[in-house]
Amino acid sequence: AAKAAFETFSQTSVEERAALLDKIAEIYLSRIGDIAEAIREEMGAPISLASTAQAYAGLAHITEAAKVLRNFAFSEDLGA
Protein backbone atom coordinates (compact mmCIF):
# COMPACT_ATOMS: atom_id res chain seq x y z
CA ALA A 1 0.00 0.00 0.00
CA ALA A 2 2.81 2.41 0.88
CA LYS A 3 4.56 1.76 -2.41
CA ALA A 4 1.37 2.42 -4.37
CA ALA A 5 0.66 5.60 -2.41
CA PHE A 6 4.21 6.85 -2.98
CA GLU A 7 3.69 6.96 -6.74
CA THR A 8 1.02 9.64 -6.45
CA PHE A 9 2.01 11.32 -3.19
CA SER A 10 5.57 11.89 -4.38
CA GLN A 11 4.12 14.08 -7.14
CA THR A 12 2.17 16.39 -4.81
CA SER A 13 3.26 19.97 -4.30
CA VAL A 14 4.44 21.49 -1.05
CA GLU A 15 1.15 23.37 -0.75
CA GLU A 16 -0.87 20.18 -1.32
CA ARG A 17 1.09 18.44 1.42
CA ALA A 18 0.68 21.40 3.78
CA ALA A 19 -3.05 21.46 3.02
CA LEU A 20 -3.21 17.77 3.92
CA LEU A 21 -1.55 18.53 7.26
CA ASP A 22 -4.06 21.36 7.77
CA LYS A 23 -6.91 18.90 7.19
CA ILE A 24 -5.35 16.39 9.59
CA ALA A 25 -5.09 19.16 12.21
CA GLU A 26 -8.74 20.11 11.63
CA ILE A 27 -9.88 16.52 12.14
CA TYR A 28 -7.54 16.07 15.12
CA LEU A 29 -9.03 19.16 16.76
CA SER A 30 -12.57 17.91 16.15
CA ARG A 31 -11.61 14.70 17.98
CA ILE A 32 -9.58 16.32 20.78
CA GLY A 33 -11.91 14.92 23.44
CA ASP A 34 -11.45 11.38 22.13
CA ILE A 35 -7.69 11.85 21.97
CA ALA A 36 -7.61 13.14 25.55
CA GLU A 37 -9.67 10.16 26.67
CA ALA A 38 -7.28 7.75 24.93
CA ILE A 39 -4.33 9.45 26.65
CA ARG A 40 -6.14 9.16 29.99
CA GLU A 41 -6.80 5.47 29.45
CA GLU A 42 -3.39 4.51 28.09
CA MET A 43 -1.16 6.65 30.29
CA GLY A 44 -3.31 6.98 33.37
CA ALA A 45 -3.04 10.76 33.15
CA PRO A 46 -5.73 12.81 34.86
CA ILE A 47 -8.30 13.92 32.28
CA SER A 48 -7.60 17.55 33.16
CA LEU A 49 -3.96 17.13 32.11
CA ALA A 50 -4.74 14.96 29.11
CA SER A 51 -7.35 17.39 27.78
CA THR A 52 -5.48 20.64 28.38
CA ALA A 53 -1.85 19.84 27.68
CA GLN A 54 -1.11 16.41 26.33
CA ALA A 55 -3.75 16.14 23.60
CA TYR A 56 -2.93 19.62 22.33
CA ALA A 57 0.77 18.76 22.08
CA GLY A 58 0.01 16.47 19.14
CA LEU A 59 -1.96 19.22 17.45
CA ALA A 60 0.96 21.60 17.92
CA HIS A 61 3.30 19.13 16.21
CA ILE A 62 1.00 18.82 13.20
CA THR A 63 0.47 22.57 12.79
CA GLU A 64 4.18 23.27 13.23
CA ALA A 65 5.00 20.67 10.56
CA ALA A 66 2.66 22.45 8.13
CA LYS A 67 4.26 25.80 8.97
CA VAL A 68 7.80 24.49 8.49
CA LEU A 69 6.81 22.77 5.25
CA ARG A 70 5.43 26.02 3.85
CA ASN A 71 8.52 28.03 4.82
CA PHE A 72 11.35 25.58 4.17
CA ALA A 73 13.76 26.41 1.34
CA PHE A 74 13.88 23.09 -0.51
CA SER A 75 16.34 24.40 -3.05
CA GLU A 76 19.06 26.98 -3.01
CA ASP A 77 20.94 28.65 -5.82
CA LEU A 78 24.62 28.08 -5.14
CA GLY A 79 25.78 30.09 -8.13
CA ALA A 80 27.56 28.98 -11.26
PDB file of N, CA and C in Angstrom:
ATOM      1  N   ALA A   1       0.824  -1.193   0.000  1.00  0.00           N
ATOM      2  CA  ALA A   1       0.000   0.000   0.000  1.00  0.00           C
ATOM      3  C   ALA A   1       0.869   1.258   0.000  1.00  0.00           C
ATOM      4  N   ALA A   2       1.933   1.235   0.802  1.00  0.00           N
ATOM      5  CA  ALA A   2       2.807   2.409   0.876  1.00  0.00           C
ATOM      6  C   ALA A   2       3.483   2.665  -0.468  1.00  0.00           C
ATOM      7  N   LYS A   3       3.902   1.608  -1.115  1.00  0.00           N
ATOM      8  CA  LYS A   3       4.560   1.756  -2.415  1.00  0.00           C
ATOM      9  C   LYS A   3       3.600   2.352  -3.441  1.00  0.00           C
ATOM     10  N   ALA A   4       2.372   1.893  -3.432  1.00  0.00           N
ATOM     11  CA  ALA A   4       1.373   2.417  -4.367  1.00  0.00           C
ATOM     12  C   ALA A   4       1.059   3.880  -4.061  1.00  0.00           C
ATOM     13  N   ALA A   5       0.955   4.215  -2.798  1.00  0.00           N
ATOM     14  CA  ALA A   5       0.665   5.602  -2.410  1.00  0.00           C
ATOM     15  C   ALA A   5       1.819   6.520  -2.778  1.00  0.00           C
ATOM     16  N   PHE A   6       3.042   6.016  -2.685  1.00  0.00           N
ATOM     17  CA  PHE A   6       4.208   6.847  -2.983  1.00  0.00           C
ATOM     18  C   PHE A   6       4.173   7.370  -4.411  1.00  0.00           C
ATOM     19  N   GLU A   7       3.708   6.557  -5.330  1.00  0.00           N
ATOM     20  CA  GLU A   7       3.692   6.963  -6.738  1.00  0.00           C
ATOM     21  C   GLU A   7       2.918   8.257  -6.953  1.00  0.00           C
ATOM     22  N   THR A   8       1.801   8.412  -6.284  1.00  0.00           N
ATOM     23  CA  THR A   8       1.020   9.643  -6.455  1.00  0.00           C
ATOM     24  C   THR A   8       1.437  10.719  -5.454  1.00  0.00           C
ATOM     25  N   PHE A   9       1.674  10.324  -4.206  1.00  0.00           N
ATOM     26  CA  PHE A   9       2.009  11.322  -3.190  1.00  0.00           C
ATOM     27  C   PHE A   9       3.332  12.006  -3.500  1.00  0.00           C
ATOM     28  N   SER A  10       4.263  11.296  -4.077  1.00  0.00           N
ATOM     29  CA  SER A  10       5.565  11.894  -4.385  1.00  0.00           C
ATOM     30  C   SER A  10       5.451  13.000  -5.429  1.00  0.00           C
ATOM     31  N   GLN A  11       4.326  13.060  -6.118  1.00  0.00           N
ATOM     32  CA  GLN A  11       4.117  14.083  -7.141  1.00  0.00           C
ATOM     33  C   GLN A  11       3.336  15.289  -6.621  1.00  0.00           C
ATOM     34  N   THR A  12       2.949  15.272  -5.353  1.00  0.00           N
ATOM     35  CA  THR A  12       2.173  16.389  -4.809  1.00  0.00           C
ATOM     36  C   THR A  12       3.085  17.573  -4.506  1.00  0.00           C
ATOM     37  N   SER A  13       2.505  18.748  -4.570  1.00  0.00           N
ATOM     38  CA  SER A  13       3.262  19.972  -4.300  1.00  0.00           C
ATOM     39  C   SER A  13       3.399  20.202  -2.796  1.00  0.00           C
ATOM     40  N   VAL A  14       4.276  21.114  -2.448  1.00  0.00           N
ATOM     41  CA  VAL A  14       4.443  21.494  -1.046  1.00  0.00           C
ATOM     42  C   VAL A  14       3.114  21.994  -0.486  1.00  0.00           C
ATOM     43  N   GLU A  15       2.420  22.827  -1.242  1.00  0.00           N
ATOM     44  CA  GLU A  15       1.150  23.368  -0.749  1.00  0.00           C
ATOM     45  C   GLU A  15       0.102  22.271  -0.578  1.00  0.00           C
ATOM     46  N   GLU A  16       0.074  21.299  -1.476  1.00  0.00           N
ATOM     47  CA  GLU A  16      -0.871  20.183  -1.324  1.00  0.00           C
ATOM     48  C   GLU A  16      -0.565  19.388  -0.056  1.00  0.00           C
ATOM     49  N   ARG A  17       0.703  19.181   0.217  1.00  0.00           N
ATOM     50  CA  ARG A  17       1.093  18.441   1.423  1.00  0.00           C
ATOM     51  C   ARG A  17       0.765  19.246   2.677  1.00  0.00           C
ATOM     52  N   ALA A  18       1.013  20.546   2.636  1.00  0.00           N
ATOM     53  CA  ALA A  18       0.681  21.400   3.777  1.00  0.00           C
ATOM     54  C   ALA A  18      -0.832  21.429   3.995  1.00  0.00           C
ATOM     55  N   ALA A  19      -1.590  21.471   2.911  1.00  0.00           N
ATOM     56  CA  ALA A  19      -3.051  21.456   3.021  1.00  0.00           C
ATOM     57  C   ALA A  19      -3.532  20.142   3.639  1.00  0.00           C
ATOM     58  N   LEU A  20      -2.865  19.054   3.314  1.00  0.00           N
ATOM     59  CA  LEU A  20      -3.206  17.766   3.916  1.00  0.00           C
ATOM     60  C   LEU A  20      -2.951  17.806   5.425  1.00  0.00           C
ATOM     61  N   LEU A  21      -1.825  18.380   5.826  1.00  0.00           N
ATOM     62  CA  LEU A  21      -1.550  18.531   7.259  1.00  0.00           C
ATOM     63  C   LEU A  21      -2.590  19.430   7.927  1.00  0.00           C
ATOM     64  N   ASP A  22      -3.010  20.488   7.236  1.00  0.00           N
ATOM     65  CA  ASP A  22      -4.061  21.356   7.775  1.00  0.00           C
ATOM     66  C   ASP A  22      -5.347  20.567   8.010  1.00  0.00           C
ATOM     67  N   LYS A  23      -5.691  19.713   7.063  1.00  0.00           N
ATOM     68  CA  LYS A  23      -6.911  18.900   7.189  1.00  0.00           C
ATOM     69  C   LYS A  23      -6.773  17.904   8.341  1.00  0.00           C
ATOM     70  N   ILE A  24      -5.598  17.313   8.474  1.00  0.00           N
ATOM     71  CA  ILE A  24      -5.354  16.395   9.590  1.00  0.00           C
ATOM     72  C   ILE A  24      -5.515  17.140  10.911  1.00  0.00           C
ATOM     73  N   ALA A  25      -4.970  18.354  10.993  1.00  0.00           N
ATOM     74  CA  ALA A  25      -5.093  19.160  12.209  1.00  0.00           C
ATOM     75  C   ALA A  25      -6.554  19.489  12.504  1.00  0.00           C
ATOM     76  N   GLU A  26      -7.309  19.799  11.464  1.00  0.00           N
ATOM     77  CA  GLU A  26      -8.737  20.109  11.632  1.00  0.00           C
ATOM     78  C   GLU A  26      -9.490  18.905  12.208  1.00  0.00           C
ATOM     79  N   ILE A  27      -9.222  17.731  11.660  1.00  0.00           N
ATOM     80  CA  ILE A  27      -9.884  16.517  12.144  1.00  0.00           C
ATOM     81  C   ILE A  27      -9.405  16.179  13.554  1.00  0.00           C
ATOM     82  N   TYR A  28      -8.109  16.316  13.786  1.00  0.00           N
ATOM     83  CA  TYR A  28      -7.536  16.073  15.116  1.00  0.00           C
ATOM     84  C   TYR A  28      -8.246  16.952  16.145  1.00  0.00           C
ATOM     85  N   LEU A  29      -8.387  18.238  15.837  1.00  0.00           N
ATOM     86  CA  LEU A  29      -9.033  19.164  16.763  1.00  0.00           C
ATOM     87  C   LEU A  29     -10.488  18.771  17.011  1.00  0.00           C
ATOM     88  N   SER A  30     -11.168  18.315  15.975  1.00  0.00           N
ATOM     89  CA  SER A  30     -12.567  17.913  16.150  1.00  0.00           C
ATOM     90  C   SER A  30     -12.699  16.666  17.024  1.00  0.00           C
ATOM     91  N   ARG A  31     -11.608  15.925  17.173  1.00  0.00           N
ATOM     92  CA  ARG A  31     -11.614  14.697  17.981  1.00  0.00           C
ATOM     93  C   ARG A  31     -10.781  14.844  19.253  1.00  0.00           C
ATOM     94  N   ILE A  32     -10.479  16.084  19.653  1.00  0.00           N
ATOM     95  CA  ILE A  32      -9.577  16.323  20.779  1.00  0.00           C
ATOM     96  C   ILE A  32     -10.062  15.638  22.060  1.00  0.00           C
ATOM     97  N   GLY A  33     -11.363  15.600  22.266  1.00  0.00           N
ATOM     98  CA  GLY A  33     -11.905  14.917  23.445  1.00  0.00           C
ATOM     99  C   GLY A  33     -11.612  13.426  23.428  1.00  0.00           C
ATOM    100  N   ASP A  34     -11.751  12.808  22.265  1.00  0.00           N
ATOM    101  CA  ASP A  34     -11.452  11.381  22.130  1.00  0.00           C
ATOM    102  C   ASP A  34      -9.964  11.114  22.339  1.00  0.00           C
ATOM    103  N   ILE A  35      -9.144  12.003  21.819  1.00  0.00           N
ATOM    104  CA  ILE A  35      -7.694  11.847  21.969  1.00  0.00           C
ATOM    105  C   ILE A  35      -7.305  11.982  23.435  1.00  0.00           C
ATOM    106  N   ALA A  36      -7.879  12.963  24.117  1.00  0.00           N
ATOM    107  CA  ALA A  36      -7.606  13.140  25.545  1.00  0.00           C
ATOM    108  C   ALA A  36      -8.044  11.908  26.334  1.00  0.00           C
ATOM    109  N   GLU A  37      -9.180  11.362  25.980  1.00  0.00           N
ATOM    110  CA  GLU A  37      -9.673  10.159  26.670  1.00  0.00           C
ATOM    111  C   GLU A  37      -8.736   8.976  26.435  1.00  0.00           C
ATOM    112  N   ALA A  38      -8.228   8.828  25.222  1.00  0.00           N
ATOM    113  CA  ALA A  38      -7.279   7.745  24.934  1.00  0.00           C
ATOM    114  C   ALA A  38      -5.995   7.930  25.741  1.00  0.00           C
ATOM    115  N   ILE A  39      -5.529   9.166  25.851  1.00  0.00           N
ATOM    116  CA  ILE A  39      -4.335   9.450  26.655  1.00  0.00           C
ATOM    117  C   ILE A  39      -4.600   9.101  28.113  1.00  0.00           C
ATOM    118  N   ARG A  40      -5.779   9.472  28.604  1.00  0.00           N
ATOM    119  CA  ARG A  40      -6.138   9.163  29.987  1.00  0.00           C
ATOM    120  C   ARG A  40      -6.127   7.657  30.222  1.00  0.00           C
ATOM    121  N   GLU A  41      -6.725   6.920  29.301  1.00  0.00           N
ATOM    122  CA  GLU A  41      -6.802   5.467  29.453  1.00  0.00           C
ATOM    123  C   GLU A  41      -5.437   4.802  29.339  1.00  0.00           C
ATOM    124  N   GLU A  42      -4.657   5.196  28.353  1.00  0.00           N
ATOM    125  CA  GLU A  42      -3.393   4.508  28.086  1.00  0.00           C
ATOM    126  C   GLU A  42      -2.268   4.915  29.024  1.00  0.00           C
ATOM    127  N   MET A  43      -2.258   6.171  29.449  1.00  0.00           N
ATOM    128  CA  MET A  43      -1.162   6.652  30.289  1.00  0.00           C
ATOM    129  C   MET A  43      -1.556   6.795  31.752  1.00  0.00           C
ATOM    130  N   GLY A  44      -2.849   6.783  32.005  1.00  0.00           N
ATOM    131  CA  GLY A  44      -3.308   6.984  33.368  1.00  0.00           C
ATOM    132  C   GLY A  44      -3.226   8.435  33.804  1.00  0.00           C
ATOM    133  N   ALA A  45      -3.124   9.334  32.832  1.00  0.00           N
ATOM    134  CA  ALA A  45      -3.042  10.762  33.151  1.00  0.00           C
ATOM    135  C   ALA A  45      -4.415  11.263  33.592  1.00  0.00           C
ATOM    136  N   PRO A  46      -4.440  12.208  34.517  1.00  0.00           N
ATOM    137  CA  PRO A  46      -5.728  12.814  34.861  1.00  0.00           C
ATOM    138  C   PRO A  46      -6.337  13.453  33.611  1.00  0.00           C
ATOM    139  N   ILE A  47      -7.647  13.382  33.476  1.00  0.00           N
ATOM    140  CA  ILE A  47      -8.298  13.919  32.283  1.00  0.00           C
ATOM    141  C   ILE A  47      -8.035  15.416  32.146  1.00  0.00           C
ATOM    142  N   SER A  48      -7.879  16.115  33.251  1.00  0.00           N
ATOM    143  CA  SER A  48      -7.596  17.553  33.164  1.00  0.00           C
ATOM    144  C   SER A  48      -6.259  17.809  32.476  1.00  0.00           C
ATOM    145  N   LEU A  49      -5.266  16.993  32.761  1.00  0.00           N
ATOM    146  CA  LEU A  49      -3.960  17.133  32.113  1.00  0.00           C
ATOM    147  C   LEU A  49      -4.023  16.657  30.660  1.00  0.00           C
ATOM    148  N   ALA A  50      -4.653  15.521  30.457  1.00  0.00           N
ATOM    149  CA  ALA A  50      -4.743  14.960  29.106  1.00  0.00           C
ATOM    150  C   ALA A  50      -5.480  15.899  28.162  1.00  0.00           C
ATOM    151  N   SER A  51      -6.527  16.551  28.659  1.00  0.00           N
ATOM    152  CA  SER A  51      -7.347  17.385  27.777  1.00  0.00           C
ATOM    153  C   SER A  51      -6.835  18.809  27.626  1.00  0.00           C
ATOM    154  N   THR A  52      -5.968  19.257  28.506  1.00  0.00           N
ATOM    155  CA  THR A  52      -5.482  20.636  28.382  1.00  0.00           C
ATOM    156  C   THR A  52      -4.060  20.733  27.859  1.00  0.00           C
ATOM    157  N   ALA A  53      -3.252  19.743  28.095  1.00  0.00           N
ATOM    158  CA  ALA A  53      -1.851  19.836  27.682  1.00  0.00           C
ATOM    159  C   ALA A  53      -1.457  18.732  26.713  1.00  0.00           C
ATOM    160  N   GLN A  54      -1.651  17.510  27.117  1.00  0.00           N
ATOM    161  CA  GLN A  54      -1.111  16.406  26.327  1.00  0.00           C
ATOM    162  C   GLN A  54      -1.772  16.254  24.964  1.00  0.00           C
ATOM    163  N   ALA A  55      -3.068  16.313  24.895  1.00  0.00           N
ATOM    164  CA  ALA A  55      -3.747  16.145  23.603  1.00  0.00           C
ATOM    165  C   ALA A  55      -3.397  17.279  22.648  1.00  0.00           C
ATOM    166  N   TYR A  56      -3.253  18.472  23.179  1.00  0.00           N
ATOM    167  CA  TYR A  56      -2.930  19.620  22.327  1.00  0.00           C
ATOM    168  C   TYR A  56      -1.479  19.605  21.855  1.00  0.00           C
ATOM    169  N   ALA A  57      -0.617  18.854  22.524  1.00  0.00           N
ATOM    170  CA  ALA A  57       0.774  18.755  22.078  1.00  0.00           C
ATOM    171  C   ALA A  57       0.840  18.119  20.691  1.00  0.00           C
ATOM    172  N   GLY A  58       0.041  17.100  20.459  1.00  0.00           N
ATOM    173  CA  GLY A  58       0.005  16.468  19.141  1.00  0.00           C
ATOM    174  C   GLY A  58      -0.453  17.435  18.065  1.00  0.00           C
ATOM    175  N   LEU A  59      -1.466  18.217  18.386  1.00  0.00           N
ATOM    176  CA  LEU A  59      -1.964  19.220  17.445  1.00  0.00           C
ATOM    177  C   LEU A  59      -0.879  20.243  17.128  1.00  0.00           C
ATOM    178  N   ALA A  60      -0.131  20.637  18.134  1.00  0.00           N
ATOM    179  CA  ALA A  60       0.956  21.600  17.923  1.00  0.00           C
ATOM    180  C   ALA A  60       2.016  21.039  16.982  1.00  0.00           C
ATOM    181  N   HIS A  61       2.314  19.759  17.100  1.00  0.00           N
ATOM    182  CA  HIS A  61       3.297  19.134  16.206  1.00  0.00           C
ATOM    183  C   HIS A  61       2.812  19.160  14.757  1.00  0.00           C
ATOM    184  N   ILE A  62       1.549  18.854  14.556  1.00  0.00           N
ATOM    185  CA  ILE A  62       0.996  18.823  13.198  1.00  0.00           C
ATOM    186  C   ILE A  62       0.992  20.223  12.584  1.00  0.00           C
ATOM    187  N   THR A  63       0.536  21.214  13.339  1.00  0.00           N
ATOM    188  CA  THR A  63       0.473  22.573  12.794  1.00  0.00           C
ATOM    189  C   THR A  63       1.867  23.147  12.567  1.00  0.00           C
ATOM    190  N   GLU A  64       2.806  22.807  13.430  1.00  0.00           N
ATOM    191  CA  GLU A  64       4.181  23.270  13.228  1.00  0.00           C
ATOM    192  C   GLU A  64       4.796  22.617  11.990  1.00  0.00           C
ATOM    193  N   ALA A  65       4.499  21.351  11.764  1.00  0.00           N
ATOM    194  CA  ALA A  65       5.004  20.672  10.565  1.00  0.00           C
ATOM    195  C   ALA A  65       4.486  21.357   9.304  1.00  0.00           C
ATOM    196  N   ALA A  66       3.220  21.749   9.291  1.00  0.00           N
ATOM    197  CA  ALA A  66       2.660  22.452   8.134  1.00  0.00           C
ATOM    198  C   ALA A  66       3.348  23.802   7.942  1.00  0.00           C
ATOM    199  N   LYS A  67       3.590  24.498   9.032  1.00  0.00           N
ATOM    200  CA  LYS A  67       4.260  25.804   8.968  1.00  0.00           C
ATOM    201  C   LYS A  67       5.682  25.663   8.421  1.00  0.00           C
ATOM    202  N   VAL A  68       6.421  24.710   8.943  1.00  0.00           N
ATOM    203  CA  VAL A  68       7.795  24.488   8.486  1.00  0.00           C
ATOM    204  C   VAL A  68       7.799  24.087   7.014  1.00  0.00           C
ATOM    205  N   LEU A  69       6.898  23.212   6.642  1.00  0.00           N
ATOM    206  CA  LEU A  69       6.813  22.771   5.252  1.00  0.00           C
ATOM    207  C   LEU A  69       6.599  23.953   4.315  1.00  0.00           C
ATOM    208  N   ARG A  70       5.716  24.860   4.701  1.00  0.00           N
ATOM    209  CA  ARG A  70       5.428  26.024   3.852  1.00  0.00           C
ATOM    210  C   ARG A  70       6.610  26.990   3.760  1.00  0.00           C
ATOM    211  N   ASN A  71       7.449  27.030   4.773  1.00  0.00           N
ATOM    212  CA  ASN A  71       8.519  28.029   4.824  1.00  0.00           C
ATOM    213  C   ASN A  71       9.915  27.482   4.557  1.00  0.00           C
ATOM    214  N   PHE A  72      10.040  26.188   4.369  1.00  0.00           N
ATOM    215  CA  PHE A  72      11.352  25.582   4.174  1.00  0.00           C
ATOM    216  C   PHE A  72      11.861  25.845   2.759  1.00  0.00           C
ATOM    217  N   ALA A  73      13.134  26.192   2.656  1.00  0.00           N
ATOM    218  CA  ALA A  73      13.758  26.406   1.343  1.00  0.00           C
ATOM    219  C   ALA A  73      14.275  25.052   0.850  1.00  0.00           C
ATOM    220  N   PHE A  74      13.517  24.419  -0.029  1.00  0.00           N
ATOM    221  CA  PHE A  74      13.884  23.094  -0.512  1.00  0.00           C
ATOM    222  C   PHE A  74      15.011  23.132  -1.532  1.00  0.00           C
ATOM    223  N   SER A  75      15.228  24.276  -2.111  1.00  0.00           N
ATOM    224  CA  SER A  75      16.341  24.400  -3.053  1.00  0.00           C
ATOM    225  C   SER A  75      17.023  25.736  -2.813  1.00  0.00           C
ATOM    226  N   GLU A  76      18.263  25.782  -3.220  1.00  0.00           N
ATOM    227  CA  GLU A  76      19.059  26.980  -3.009  1.00  0.00           C
ATOM    228  C   GLU A  76      19.992  27.154  -4.193  1.00  0.00           C
ATOM    229  N   ASP A  77      20.045  28.352  -4.714  1.00  0.00           N
ATOM    230  CA  ASP A  77      20.939  28.645  -5.823  1.00  0.00           C
ATOM    231  C   ASP A  77      22.338  28.862  -5.263  1.00  0.00           C
ATOM    232  N   LEU A  78      23.253  27.998  -5.639  1.00  0.00           N
ATOM    233  CA  LEU A  78      24.620  28.085  -5.144  1.00  0.00           C
ATOM    234  C   LEU A  78      25.546  28.803  -6.120  1.00  0.00           C
ATOM    235  N   GLY A  79      24.976  29.364  -7.151  1.00  0.00           N
ATOM    236  CA  GLY A  79      25.780  30.087  -8.130  1.00  0.00           C
ATOM    237  C   GLY A  79      26.221  29.181  -9.267  1.00  0.00           C
ATOM    238  N   ALA A  80      27.120  29.702 -10.062  1.00  0.00           N
ATOM    239  CA  ALA A  80      27.565  28.984 -11.263  1.00  0.00           C
ATOM    240  C   ALA A  80      28.490  27.852 -10.976  1.00  0.00           C
TER     241      ALA A  80
END
